[in-house]
Amino acid sequence: MSTTSKAANSDGKLLVLTPGMGAVATTFIAGVESVRKGLSKPIGSLTQMQTIRLGARSENRSPLIKDFLPLADLDDIVFGGWDVKPDNVYDACVHAQVLKSQDLDPIADFLKTIKPMSAAFEQKYVKKLDGPNVKKFETKKDLADQLREDIRKKKEETGATRAVMVWCGSTEVYQSPSECHMSIEAFEKGLENNDESIAPSQLYAYAAIKEGVPYANGAPNLSADFPALIQLAEKNGVPIAGKDFKTGQTLMKTILAPGFKTRMLGIRGWFSTNILGNRDGEVLDDPDSFKSKEVTKAGVLDTILQPDSYKDLYKDLYHKVRINYYPPRGDEKEGWDNIDIFGWLGYPMQIKVDFLCRDSILAAPIVLDLALFLDLASRQGKSGIQEWLSFYFKSPQVEDGHVQEHDIFIQHFRLKNTLRVMGGEEPVTHLSENYDSYK
């Protein structure tokens, strides 16, 4: 696709809104600015660094994804967000201790210009978090209206022609959909009646969808994944995706488990524990918030391994997940796995994985990719749940009646084929280039 076509299709500034401006969001913002200034490379971002094969391999057409599709240019991205803490992005970065001073100092002046809007927040939904920068309200409808006004004002202030919203806030307490989540009429009545089933993240999702802003949920809590907001997204022509960024330990599971299954190796047990010391770790130290995370992390293996189909290999698999708050570790999370597998004639073997990762470093490029892909989907007229973005999530949001896909290689294949079709190309099947001879 030509540069002229790309510019015509993605003209104007794109406002990326992040409810929550802690470690993940500020690392994302700082990273984008560092890349724009030529100080860093956007490592981890498919939209910026990955190529996409078009046609047969012999055609030798493999442009960068960003050159193939009319994605927003990094120079056209502007930022906004909300947080309970009033710190500007530079101060929040310093506090988060993810990035070093030599990476922050050259972009400090820019980061100091970005300050969070006051948050829609109630501590009972995130018990381990508090701060003074919160909105006052009579009803939850008031809060939602204030958020909608924030979106309009921030677009005007930044000169953005369109916006996307990616939830980067803390994990809320575990919730299942209630009666007020079943229809948009019931949900809006719940807003007026201050229904306790409506948590703050749902207010952000509602405000975004009402304003025509694509929405992605990077946390495991109930946010936009219930009938009322799905209906609203489809009605308003807004693409949505979620939930829970796939970064550390679960990323490794979705890489390793498909390999074991491909080789028909059995698994007796998979014990996983995490040590994390940032704000996310502190929030997850609350059992109610941890349950939200536990549900998204625990469902991955069953879906990939299909124990009902492979009873001899996986029916009795014992899977345990733990998250431990350990302040000295900060953002440098450690994910430790013990995997008890067995092979020919049932002989046992073990695999140990110790992933010393950096949580926000892995999450930041996901925020960028989701923002750019959702913006593209919106401009191409897509609405409702975007299953092709499952690649980025621990618990992918899917259409009613569909089964989640957790195999990262299948997710990646689907994502790229969706991009090919969006760009007017044929999907790739990976059949031999002389597959006609097999017909």
Foldseek 3Di string as FASTA:
>chain_A
DDPVVLCVLQPFAEEEEEADLALQNLVLVLVLVCVVVVNDALPQFQQRDAWFDFDDVVVVDTHRLVRLHSFHDSVRYDYAYADQAFQFSLVNNVVLPQDDPVSCVVCVVVRRVYTYAQADADCLFQVLDHHNRHDDDDFLVRVLVVLLVVVVVVCVVVVGPAYAYEYPHAFTFADDDDPLQAALVSVVVCRRVRPVNDHRLQSNLVSCLVNQHEYEEQYLHDHQQGNHNLVSFVVSLAEYKYDHFDFPPLVVCLAPLLVCLVVVKAWAEKEKEKEEAEPNLSSCVDVRRVVSVCVLSVVQNCQNNVCVVVVVGYVNYHYYYYYHHDNVCRQQMWMWMWIWIADDPGHIDIDIDIDRHRRSSRSSSVSVNVGRVSVSCSSVRHTGYDLLSLLGYSHIRDDPPDDRDRNNVVSVLSNSQVSQVSSVGHRDDPDPPVCVVVD
